[in-house]
Amino acid sequence: MTETMEVNQFNLVYNVLSFSLATMMATTIFCWMRVGSCAQRYKSALIITGLVTFIAAYHYFRIFNSWTEAYAWTPEGTLSVTGVPFNDAYRYMDWLLTVPLLLIEIILVMKLEPAETVSKASTLGVASALMIILGYPGELLTEPDQLSGRWMWWACAMAPFLYIVFTLLVGLNDATNSETDPNISSLIKKAQVATVISWCTYPVVYVFPMLGIKGSSVIVFIQIGYSISDIISKCGVGLLVYSITMAKTAAIQNNSGESKGLLA
């Protein structure tokens, strides 16, 4: 059931969704236009980076339209509920596609053997999909008498979430430290940490209804919280992945130049 919304609340969510959509579209265009400038072995990572924000842009377009269709302006300048339900399930459809890809784009720019790349991408992809699937049922439970169930699904989703965080911060340390260029190693660490920090906001936003936030306020807080998290995890981390691909491309070109100089 769609909650009655104050004008300022509606406009705030409207503007945040619009900003998120524009940010995703701009990041997609930038990353895909820069694919030709990076080394062949890192093109896939940059293409996936743009694909993540492209998929997100599409879903934000759908969320934005659903938001505007759920409410109508009255002649008095207030808002009325149209009866068309606001469909926030688009977020989970988006995450089911983009979250595994987010992890894969990081894996693809790391110094891993091909077999280990496939292994890490597969296990992290499955874990992230499981996290989204387990979190969705609880997202539907917002009434006070349903919050115990929401807590249960939150706890279930946290298991794969913690596995992913551990893998990013600890399990991939050897690969990160094996980078000979300290700048590249630093960029990879920033991408890992930025991913974890942005992801940590999702379970916090998830518990807003359990903290006593109710009615239209909880909808506004959730929409703003998830949108900010998406911008950081998709656009912010995506641009860090772009920086890594460019740094590694420059390193390859420099090494190639040195080899040619020695052979001359």
C-alpha atoms as a PDB file:
ATOM      1  CA  MET A   1       0.000   0.000   0.000  1.00  0.00           C
ATOM      2  CA  THR A   2       1.356   3.434  -0.989  1.00  0.00           C
ATOM      3  CA  GLU A   3       1.775   5.849   1.922  1.00  0.00           C
ATOM      4  CA  THR A   4       0.456   9.414   1.874  1.00  0.00           C
ATOM      5  CA  MET A   5       3.377  11.710   1.143  1.00  0.00           C
ATOM      6  CA  GLU A   6       4.131  15.319   2.106  1.00  0.00           C
ATOM      7  CA  VAL A   7       5.120  17.662  -0.723  1.00  0.00           C
ATOM      8  CA  ASN A   8       8.676  18.146   0.540  1.00  0.00           C
ATOM      9  CA  GLN A   9       9.110  14.401   1.014  1.00  0.00           C
ATOM     10  CA  PHE A  10       7.887  13.670  -2.501  1.00  0.00           C
ATOM     11  CA  ASN A  11      10.126  16.328  -4.057  1.00  0.00           C
ATOM     12  CA  LEU A  12      13.164  15.135  -2.104  1.00  0.00           C
ATOM     13  CA  VAL A  13      12.815  11.557  -3.315  1.00  0.00           C
ATOM     14  CA  TYR A  14      11.958  12.821  -6.826  1.00  0.00           C
ATOM     15  CA  ASN A  15      15.175  14.855  -6.978  1.00  0.00           C
ATOM     16  CA  VAL A  16      17.365  12.108  -5.498  1.00  0.00           C
ATOM     17  CA  LEU A  17      16.049   9.534  -7.985  1.00  0.00           C
ATOM     18  CA  SER A  18      16.544  11.990 -10.855  1.00  0.00           C
ATOM     19  CA  PHE A  19      20.109  12.749  -9.734  1.00  0.00           C
ATOM     20  CA  SER A  20      20.877   9.030  -9.386  1.00  0.00           C
ATOM     21  CA  LEU A  21      19.573   8.334 -12.894  1.00  0.00           C
ATOM     22  CA  ALA A  22      21.684  11.121 -14.402  1.00  0.00           C
ATOM     23  CA  THR A  23      24.779   9.955 -12.526  1.00  0.00           C
ATOM     24  CA  MET A  24      24.393   6.371 -13.738  1.00  0.00           C
ATOM     25  CA  MET A  25      23.870   7.487 -17.350  1.00  0.00           C
ATOM     26  CA  ALA A  26      26.879   9.816 -17.293  1.00  0.00           C
ATOM     27  CA  THR A  27      29.155   7.125 -15.820  1.00  0.00           C
ATOM     28  CA  THR A  28      28.027   4.614 -18.457  1.00  0.00           C
ATOM     29  CA  ILE A  29      28.779   6.977 -21.331  1.00  0.00           C
ATOM     30  CA  PHE A  30      32.175   7.946 -19.905  1.00  0.00           C
ATOM     31  CA  CYS A  31      33.349   4.377 -19.237  1.00  0.00           C
ATOM     32  CA  TRP A  32      32.253   2.992 -22.593  1.00  0.00           C
ATOM     33  CA  MET A  33      33.821   5.894 -24.488  1.00  0.00           C
ATOM     34  CA  ARG A  34      37.128   5.175 -22.743  1.00  0.00           C
ATOM     35  CA  VAL A  35      37.203   1.438 -23.552  1.00  0.00           C
ATOM     36  CA  GLY A  36      39.289   2.049 -26.663  1.00  0.00           C
ATOM     37  CA  SER A  37      42.015   3.721 -24.594  1.00  0.00           C
ATOM     38  CA  CYS A  38      42.751   0.793 -22.275  1.00  0.00           C
ATOM     39  CA  ALA A  39      44.805  -2.342 -22.874  1.00  0.00           C
ATOM     40  CA  GLN A  40      43.046  -5.315 -24.438  1.00  0.00           C
ATOM     41  CA  ARG A  41      43.222  -7.452 -21.295  1.00  0.00           C
ATOM     42  CA  TYR A  42      41.344  -4.819 -19.241  1.00  0.00           C
ATOM     43  CA  LYS A  43      38.638  -3.907 -21.756  1.00  0.00           C
ATOM     44  CA  SER A  44      36.233  -6.452 -20.251  1.00  0.00           C
ATOM     45  CA  ALA A  45      36.512  -4.847 -16.811  1.00  0.00           C
ATOM     46  CA  LEU A  46      35.728  -1.400 -18.210  1.00  0.00           C
ATOM     47  CA  ILE A  47      32.862  -2.701 -20.343  1.00  0.00           C
ATOM     48  CA  ILE A  48      31.366  -4.413 -17.273  1.00  0.00           C
ATOM     49  CA  THR A  49      31.776  -1.188 -15.287  1.00  0.00           C
ATOM     50  CA  GLY A  50      29.665   0.641 -17.868  1.00  0.00           C
ATOM     51  CA  LEU A  51      27.218  -2.261 -18.004  1.00  0.00           C
ATOM     52  CA  VAL A  52      26.644  -2.019 -14.243  1.00  0.00           C
ATOM     53  CA  THR A  53      25.679   1.640 -14.426  1.00  0.00           C
ATOM     54  CA  PHE A  54      23.682   1.085 -17.629  1.00  0.00           C
ATOM     55  CA  ILE A  55      21.545  -1.573 -15.922  1.00  0.00           C
ATOM     56  CA  ALA A  56      21.217   0.690 -12.872  1.00  0.00           C
ATOM     57  CA  ALA A  57      20.178   3.640 -15.060  1.00  0.00           C
ATOM     58  CA  TYR A  58      17.425   1.547 -16.618  1.00  0.00           C
ATOM     59  CA  HIS A  59      16.092   0.482 -13.221  1.00  0.00           C
ATOM     60  CA  TYR A  60      16.306   4.022 -11.829  1.00  0.00           C
ATOM     61  CA  PHE A  61      14.268   5.147 -14.820  1.00  0.00           C
ATOM     62  CA  ARG A  62      11.629   2.563 -13.871  1.00  0.00           C
ATOM     63  CA  ILE A  63      11.772   3.497 -10.164  1.00  0.00           C
ATOM     64  CA  PHE A  64      11.461   7.187 -11.035  1.00  0.00           C
ATOM     65  CA  ASN A  65       8.430   6.547 -13.247  1.00  0.00           C
ATOM     66  CA  SER A  66       6.835   4.343 -10.603  1.00  0.00           C
ATOM     67  CA  TRP A  67       7.338   7.093  -8.013  1.00  0.00           C
ATOM     68  CA  THR A  68       5.670   9.749 -10.171  1.00  0.00           C
ATOM     69  CA  GLU A  69       2.799   7.413 -11.082  1.00  0.00           C
ATOM     70  CA  ALA A  70       2.050   6.618  -7.432  1.00  0.00           C
ATOM     71  CA  TYR A  71       1.130  10.245  -6.621  1.00  0.00           C
ATOM     72  CA  ALA A  72      -0.818  13.043  -8.312  1.00  0.00           C
ATOM     73  CA  TRP A  73      -0.871  16.787  -7.685  1.00  0.00           C
ATOM     74  CA  THR A  74      -4.176  18.274  -6.554  1.00  0.00           C
ATOM     75  CA  PRO A  75      -5.416  21.783  -7.525  1.00  0.00           C
ATOM     76  CA  GLU A  76      -4.524  22.871  -3.972  1.00  0.00           C
ATOM     77  CA  GLY A  77      -0.856  22.003  -4.507  1.00  0.00           C
ATOM     78  CA  THR A  78      -0.899  18.916  -2.308  1.00  0.00           C
ATOM     79  CA  LEU A  79      -0.401  15.266  -3.192  1.00  0.00           C
ATOM     80  CA  SER A  80      -2.915  12.475  -3.409  1.00  0.00           C
ATOM     81  CA  VAL A  81      -2.351   8.753  -3.760  1.00  0.00           C
ATOM     82  CA  THR A  82      -3.300   7.582  -7.256  1.00  0.00           C
ATOM     83  CA  GLY A  83      -3.848   3.971  -6.289  1.00  0.00           C
ATOM     84  CA  VAL A  84      -0.960   2.817  -8.480  1.00  0.00           C
ATOM     85  CA  PRO A  85       1.459   1.105  -6.070  1.00  0.00           C
ATOM     86  CA  PHE A  86       5.046   2.311  -5.885  1.00  0.00           C
ATOM     87  CA  ASN A  87       7.155  -0.614  -7.066  1.00  0.00           C
ATOM     88  CA  ASP A  88      10.494  -0.621  -5.288  1.00  0.00           C
ATOM     89  CA  ALA A  89      11.177  -4.235  -6.295  1.00  0.00           C
ATOM     90  CA  TYR A  90      13.076  -2.778  -9.257  1.00  0.00           C
ATOM     91  CA  ARG A  91      15.950  -2.191  -6.833  1.00  0.00           C
ATOM     92  CA  TYR A  92      16.293  -5.863  -6.047  1.00  0.00           C
ATOM     93  CA  MET A  93      16.056  -6.823  -9.709  1.00  0.00           C
ATOM     94  CA  ASP A  94      18.832  -4.311 -10.328  1.00  0.00           C
ATOM     95  CA  TRP A  95      21.012  -5.588  -7.489  1.00  0.00           C
ATOM     96  CA  LEU A  96      20.565  -9.201  -8.573  1.00  0.00           C
ATOM     97  CA  LEU A  97      22.215  -8.262 -11.870  1.00  0.00           C
ATOM     98  CA  THR A  98      24.665  -5.536 -10.874  1.00  0.00           C
ATOM     99  CA  VAL A  99      26.069  -6.679  -7.528  1.00  0.00           C
ATOM    100  CA  PRO A 100      27.771  -9.809  -8.954  1.00  0.00           C
ATOM    101  CA  LEU A 101      29.065  -7.699 -11.852  1.00  0.00           C
ATOM    102  CA  LEU A 102      30.443  -5.116  -9.417  1.00  0.00           C
ATOM    103  CA  LEU A 103      32.589  -7.782  -7.803  1.00  0.00           C
ATOM    104  CA  ILE A 104      33.635  -9.281 -11.125  1.00  0.00           C
ATOM    105  CA  GLU A 105      34.883  -5.920 -12.435  1.00  0.00           C
ATOM    106  CA  ILE A 106      37.195  -5.644  -9.414  1.00  0.00           C
ATOM    107  CA  ILE A 107      38.411  -9.227  -9.813  1.00  0.00           C
ATOM    108  CA  LEU A 108      39.234  -8.631 -13.497  1.00  0.00           C
ATOM    109  CA  VAL A 109      41.712  -5.835 -12.750  1.00  0.00           C
ATOM    110  CA  MET A 110      43.564  -7.771 -10.053  1.00  0.00           C
ATOM    111  CA  LYS A 111      46.776  -9.761 -10.490  1.00  0.00           C
ATOM    112  CA  LEU A 112      45.302 -13.254 -10.402  1.00  0.00           C
ATOM    113  CA  GLU A 113      45.903 -16.444 -12.337  1.00  0.00           C
ATOM    114  CA  PRO A 114      43.142 -17.194 -14.887  1.00  0.00           C
ATOM    115  CA  ALA A 115      41.864 -20.172 -12.864  1.00  0.00           C
ATOM    116  CA  GLU A 116      41.756 -18.127  -9.666  1.00  0.00           C
ATOM    117  CA  THR A 117      40.015 -15.276 -11.474  1.00  0.00           C
ATOM    118  CA  VAL A 118      37.240 -17.624 -12.559  1.00  0.00           C
ATOM    119  CA  SER A 119      37.047 -19.195  -9.090  1.00  0.00           C
ATOM    120  CA  LYS A 120      36.838 -15.880  -7.198  1.00  0.00           C
ATOM    121  CA  ALA A 121      34.405 -14.360  -9.681  1.00  0.00           C
ATOM    122  CA  SER A 122      32.158 -17.413  -9.431  1.00  0.00           C
ATOM    123  CA  THR A 123      32.135 -17.722  -5.643  1.00  0.00           C
ATOM    124  CA  LEU A 124      31.680 -13.998  -5.034  1.00  0.00           C
ATOM    125  CA  GLY A 125      29.013 -13.794  -7.741  1.00  0.00           C
ATOM    126  CA  VAL A 126      27.018 -16.651  -6.202  1.00  0.00           C
ATOM    127  CA  ALA A 127      27.441 -15.244  -2.672  1.00  0.00           C
ATOM    128  CA  SER A 128      26.246 -11.794  -3.733  1.00  0.00           C
ATOM    129  CA  ALA A 129      23.219 -13.208  -5.566  1.00  0.00           C
ATOM    130  CA  LEU A 130      22.353 -15.274  -2.483  1.00  0.00           C
ATOM    131  CA  MET A 131      22.646 -12.141  -0.333  1.00  0.00           C
ATOM    132  CA  ILE A 132      20.134 -10.286  -2.537  1.00  0.00           C
ATOM    133  CA  ILE A 133      17.721 -13.222  -2.696  1.00  0.00           C
ATOM    134  CA  LEU A 134      17.742 -13.639   1.092  1.00  0.00           C
ATOM    135  CA  GLY A 135      17.304  -9.922   1.707  1.00  0.00           C
ATOM    136  CA  TYR A 136      14.283  -9.397  -0.530  1.00  0.00           C
ATOM    137  CA  PRO A 137      11.586 -11.218   1.532  1.00  0.00           C
ATOM    138  CA  GLY A 138      12.415  -9.058   4.560  1.00  0.00           C
ATOM    139  CA  GLU A 139      12.171  -5.876   2.499  1.00  0.00           C
ATOM    140  CA  LEU A 140       8.451  -6.577   2.120  1.00  0.00           C
ATOM    141  CA  LEU A 141       7.932  -6.688   5.896  1.00  0.00           C
ATOM    142  CA  THR A 142       7.547  -3.153   7.269  1.00  0.00           C
ATOM    143  CA  GLU A 143       4.581  -3.381   9.656  1.00  0.00           C
ATOM    144  CA  PRO A 144       5.392  -3.407  13.402  1.00  0.00           C
ATOM    145  CA  ASP A 145       4.076  -6.954  13.872  1.00  0.00           C
ATOM    146  CA  GLN A 146       6.256  -8.194  10.974  1.00  0.00           C
ATOM    147  CA  LEU A 147       9.601  -6.792  12.077  1.00  0.00           C
ATOM    148  CA  SER A 148      10.782 -10.008  13.734  1.00  0.00           C
ATOM    149  CA  GLY A 149      10.602 -11.633  10.297  1.00  0.00           C
ATOM    150  CA  ARG A 150      12.512  -8.707   8.797  1.00  0.00           C
ATOM    151  CA  TRP A 151      15.248  -9.194  11.405  1.00  0.00           C
ATOM    152  CA  MET A 152      15.450 -12.902  10.492  1.00  0.00           C
ATOM    153  CA  TRP A 153      15.924 -12.210   6.762  1.00  0.00           C
ATOM    154  CA  TRP A 154      18.433  -9.458   7.581  1.00  0.00           C
ATOM    155  CA  ALA A 155      20.491 -11.949   9.603  1.00  0.00           C
ATOM    156  CA  CYS A 156      20.296 -14.544   6.798  1.00  0.00           C
ATOM    157  CA  ALA A 157      21.492 -12.032   4.194  1.00  0.00           C
ATOM    158  CA  MET A 158      24.339 -10.913   6.455  1.00  0.00           C
ATOM    159  CA  ALA A 159      26.012 -14.348   6.245  1.00  0.00           C
ATOM    160  CA  PRO A 160      26.989 -14.091   2.546  1.00  0.00           C
ATOM    161  CA  PHE A 161      27.529 -10.347   3.032  1.00  0.00           C
ATOM    162  CA  LEU A 162      30.210 -10.970   5.675  1.00  0.00           C
ATOM    163  CA  TYR A 163      31.837 -13.618   3.477  1.00  0.00           C
ATOM    164  CA  ILE A 164      32.120 -11.086   0.641  1.00  0.00           C
ATOM    165  CA  VAL A 165      33.534  -8.404   2.940  1.00  0.00           C
ATOM    166  CA  PHE A 166      36.106 -10.862   4.350  1.00  0.00           C
ATOM    167  CA  THR A 167      37.146 -11.936   0.850  1.00  0.00           C
ATOM    168  CA  LEU A 168      37.562  -8.361  -0.373  1.00  0.00           C
ATOM    169  CA  LEU A 169      39.527  -7.146   2.652  1.00  0.00           C
ATOM    170  CA  VAL A 170      41.476 -10.288   3.596  1.00  0.00           C
ATOM    171  CA  GLY A 171      41.105 -13.080   1.053  1.00  0.00           C
ATOM    172  CA  LEU A 172      42.422 -10.988  -1.847  1.00  0.00           C
ATOM    173  CA  ASN A 173      45.239  -9.320   0.093  1.00  0.00           C
ATOM    174  CA  ASP A 174      47.972 -11.409  -1.520  1.00  0.00           C
ATOM    175  CA  ALA A 175      46.811 -10.458  -5.008  1.00  0.00           C
ATOM    176  CA  THR A 176      46.636  -6.777  -4.063  1.00  0.00           C
ATOM    177  CA  ASN A 177      50.080  -6.804  -2.447  1.00  0.00           C
ATOM    178  CA  SER A 178      51.601  -8.624  -5.418  1.00  0.00           C
ATOM    179  CA  GLU A 179      51.219  -5.498  -7.552  1.00  0.00           C
ATOM    180  CA  THR A 180      54.689  -4.094  -8.218  1.00  0.00           C
ATOM    181  CA  ASP A 181      53.402  -0.568  -8.843  1.00  0.00           C
ATOM    182  CA  PRO A 182      52.451   1.008  -5.474  1.00  0.00           C
ATOM    183  CA  ASN A 183      50.005   3.374  -7.215  1.00  0.00           C
ATOM    184  CA  ILE A 184      48.084   0.473  -8.736  1.00  0.00           C
ATOM    185  CA  SER A 185      48.110  -1.417  -5.439  1.00  0.00           C
ATOM    186  CA  SER A 186      46.767   1.677  -3.691  1.00  0.00           C
ATOM    187  CA  LEU A 187      43.977   2.101  -6.256  1.00  0.00           C
ATOM    188  CA  ILE A 188      42.904  -1.526  -5.886  1.00  0.00           C
ATOM    189  CA  LYS A 189      42.817  -1.185  -2.108  1.00  0.00           C
ATOM    190  CA  LYS A 190      40.718   1.966  -2.463  1.00  0.00           C
ATOM    191  CA  ALA A 191      38.273   0.114  -4.712  1.00  0.00           C
ATOM    192  CA  GLN A 192      38.022  -2.740  -2.207  1.00  0.00           C
ATOM    193  CA  VAL A 193      37.545  -0.439   0.781  1.00  0.00           C
ATOM    194  CA  ALA A 194      35.085   1.836  -1.068  1.00  0.00           C
ATOM    195  CA  THR A 195      33.028  -1.223  -2.031  1.00  0.00           C
ATOM    196  CA  VAL A 196      32.918  -2.463   1.565  1.00  0.00           C
ATOM    197  CA  ILE A 197      32.093   0.968   3.026  1.00  0.00           C
ATOM    198  CA  SER A 198      29.318   1.620   0.509  1.00  0.00           C
ATOM    199  CA  TRP A 199      27.943  -1.879   1.003  1.00  0.00           C
ATOM    200  CA  CYS A 200      27.884  -1.419   4.779  1.00  0.00           C
ATOM    201  CA  THR A 201      25.261   1.291   4.324  1.00  0.00           C
ATOM    202  CA  TYR A 202      22.783  -1.166   2.780  1.00  0.00           C
ATOM    203  CA  PRO A 203      22.202  -3.277   5.920  1.00  0.00           C
ATOM    204  CA  VAL A 204      21.933  -0.030   7.930  1.00  0.00           C
ATOM    205  CA  VAL A 205      19.217   1.327   5.623  1.00  0.00           C
ATOM    206  CA  TYR A 206      17.526  -2.081   5.768  1.00  0.00           C
ATOM    207  CA  VAL A 207      16.984  -1.770   9.542  1.00  0.00           C
ATOM    208  CA  PHE A 208      15.379   1.703   9.411  1.00  0.00           C
ATOM    209  CA  PRO A 209      11.871   0.257   9.932  1.00  0.00           C
ATOM    210  CA  MET A 210      13.197  -1.699  12.930  1.00  0.00           C
ATOM    211  CA  LEU A 211      14.457   1.548  14.474  1.00  0.00           C
ATOM    212  CA  GLY A 212      10.961   2.968  14.813  1.00  0.00           C
ATOM    213  CA  ILE A 213      10.876   4.985  11.591  1.00  0.00           C
ATOM    214  CA  LYS A 214       7.367   4.604  10.196  1.00  0.00           C
ATOM    215  CA  GLY A 215       4.959   5.667   7.471  1.00  0.00           C
ATOM    216  CA  SER A 216       6.101   8.000   4.729  1.00  0.00           C
ATOM    217  CA  SER A 217       9.310   8.864   6.582  1.00  0.00           C
ATOM    218  CA  VAL A 218      10.695   5.331   6.337  1.00  0.00           C
ATOM    219  CA  ILE A 219      10.015   5.280   2.576  1.00  0.00           C
ATOM    220  CA  VAL A 220      11.887   8.563   2.137  1.00  0.00           C
ATOM    221  CA  PHE A 221      14.836   7.417   4.267  1.00  0.00           C
ATOM    222  CA  ILE A 222      15.082   4.098   2.428  1.00  0.00           C
ATOM    223  CA  GLN A 223      14.949   5.693  -1.034  1.00  0.00           C
ATOM    224  CA  ILE A 224      17.589   8.282  -0.186  1.00  0.00           C
ATOM    225  CA  GLY A 225      19.816   5.797   1.648  1.00  0.00           C
ATOM    226  CA  TYR A 226      19.790   3.188  -1.085  1.00  0.00           C
ATOM    227  CA  SER A 227      20.303   5.805  -3.814  1.00  0.00           C
ATOM    228  CA  ILE A 228      23.380   7.258  -2.103  1.00  0.00           C
ATOM    229  CA  SER A 229      24.777   3.763  -1.590  1.00  0.00           C
ATOM    230  CA  ASP A 230      24.198   2.909  -5.255  1.00  0.00           C
ATOM    231  CA  ILE A 231      25.972   6.030  -6.475  1.00  0.00           C
ATOM    232  CA  ILE A 232      29.039   5.267  -4.347  1.00  0.00           C
ATOM    233  CA  SER A 233      29.190   1.532  -5.061  1.00  0.00           C
ATOM    234  CA  LYS A 234      28.401   1.719  -8.778  1.00  0.00           C
ATOM    235  CA  CYS A 235      29.691   5.094 -10.004  1.00  0.00           C
ATOM    236  CA  GLY A 236      32.381   5.745  -7.394  1.00  0.00           C
ATOM    237  CA  VAL A 237      33.882   2.254  -7.439  1.00  0.00           C
ATOM    238  CA  GLY A 238      33.389   2.094 -11.208  1.00  0.00           C
ATOM    239  CA  LEU A 239      35.536   5.178 -11.695  1.00  0.00           C
ATOM    240  CA  LEU A 240      38.186   3.669  -9.419  1.00  0.00           C
ATOM    241  CA  VAL A 241      38.170   0.550 -11.622  1.00  0.00           C
ATOM    242  CA  TYR A 242      38.558   2.868 -14.625  1.00  0.00           C
ATOM    243  CA  SER A 243      41.589   4.489 -12.945  1.00  0.00           C
ATOM    244  CA  ILE A 244      43.110   1.043 -12.347  1.00  0.00           C
ATOM    245  CA  THR A 245      42.643   0.016 -15.993  1.00  0.00           C
ATOM    246  CA  MET A 246      44.276   3.248 -17.161  1.00  0.00           C
ATOM    247  CA  ALA A 247      47.181   2.878 -14.714  1.00  0.00           C
ATOM    248  CA  LYS A 248      47.781  -0.725 -15.805  1.00  0.00           C
ATOM    249  CA  THR A 249      47.525   0.284 -19.462  1.00  0.00           C
ATOM    250  CA  ALA A 250      50.155   2.977 -18.922  1.00  0.00           C
ATOM    251  CA  ALA A 251      52.409   0.452 -17.184  1.00  0.00           C
ATOM    252  CA  ILE A 252      52.099  -1.957 -20.130  1.00  0.00           C
ATOM    253  CA  GLN A 253      52.897   0.819 -22.605  1.00  0.00           C
ATOM    254  CA  ASN A 254      55.914   1.930 -20.561  1.00  0.00           C
ATOM    255  CA  ASN A 255      57.255  -1.611 -20.351  1.00  0.00           C
ATOM    256  CA  SER A 256      56.724  -2.039 -24.082  1.00  0.00           C
ATOM    257  CA  GLY A 257      58.632   1.157 -24.744  1.00  0.00           C
ATOM    258  CA  GLU A 258      61.519   0.032 -22.555  1.00  0.00           C
ATOM    259  CA  SER A 259      61.671  -3.346 -24.339  1.00  0.00           C
ATOM    260  CA  LYS A 260      61.802  -1.652 -27.747  1.00  0.00           C
ATOM    261  CA  GLY A 261      64.553   0.641 -26.482  1.00  0.00           C
ATOM    262  CA  LEU A 262      66.668  -2.318 -25.359  1.00  0.00           C
ATOM    263  CA  LEU A 263      66.208  -4.086 -28.697  1.00  0.00           C
ATOM    264  CA  ALA A 264      67.079  -0.998 -30.755  1.00  0.00           C
END
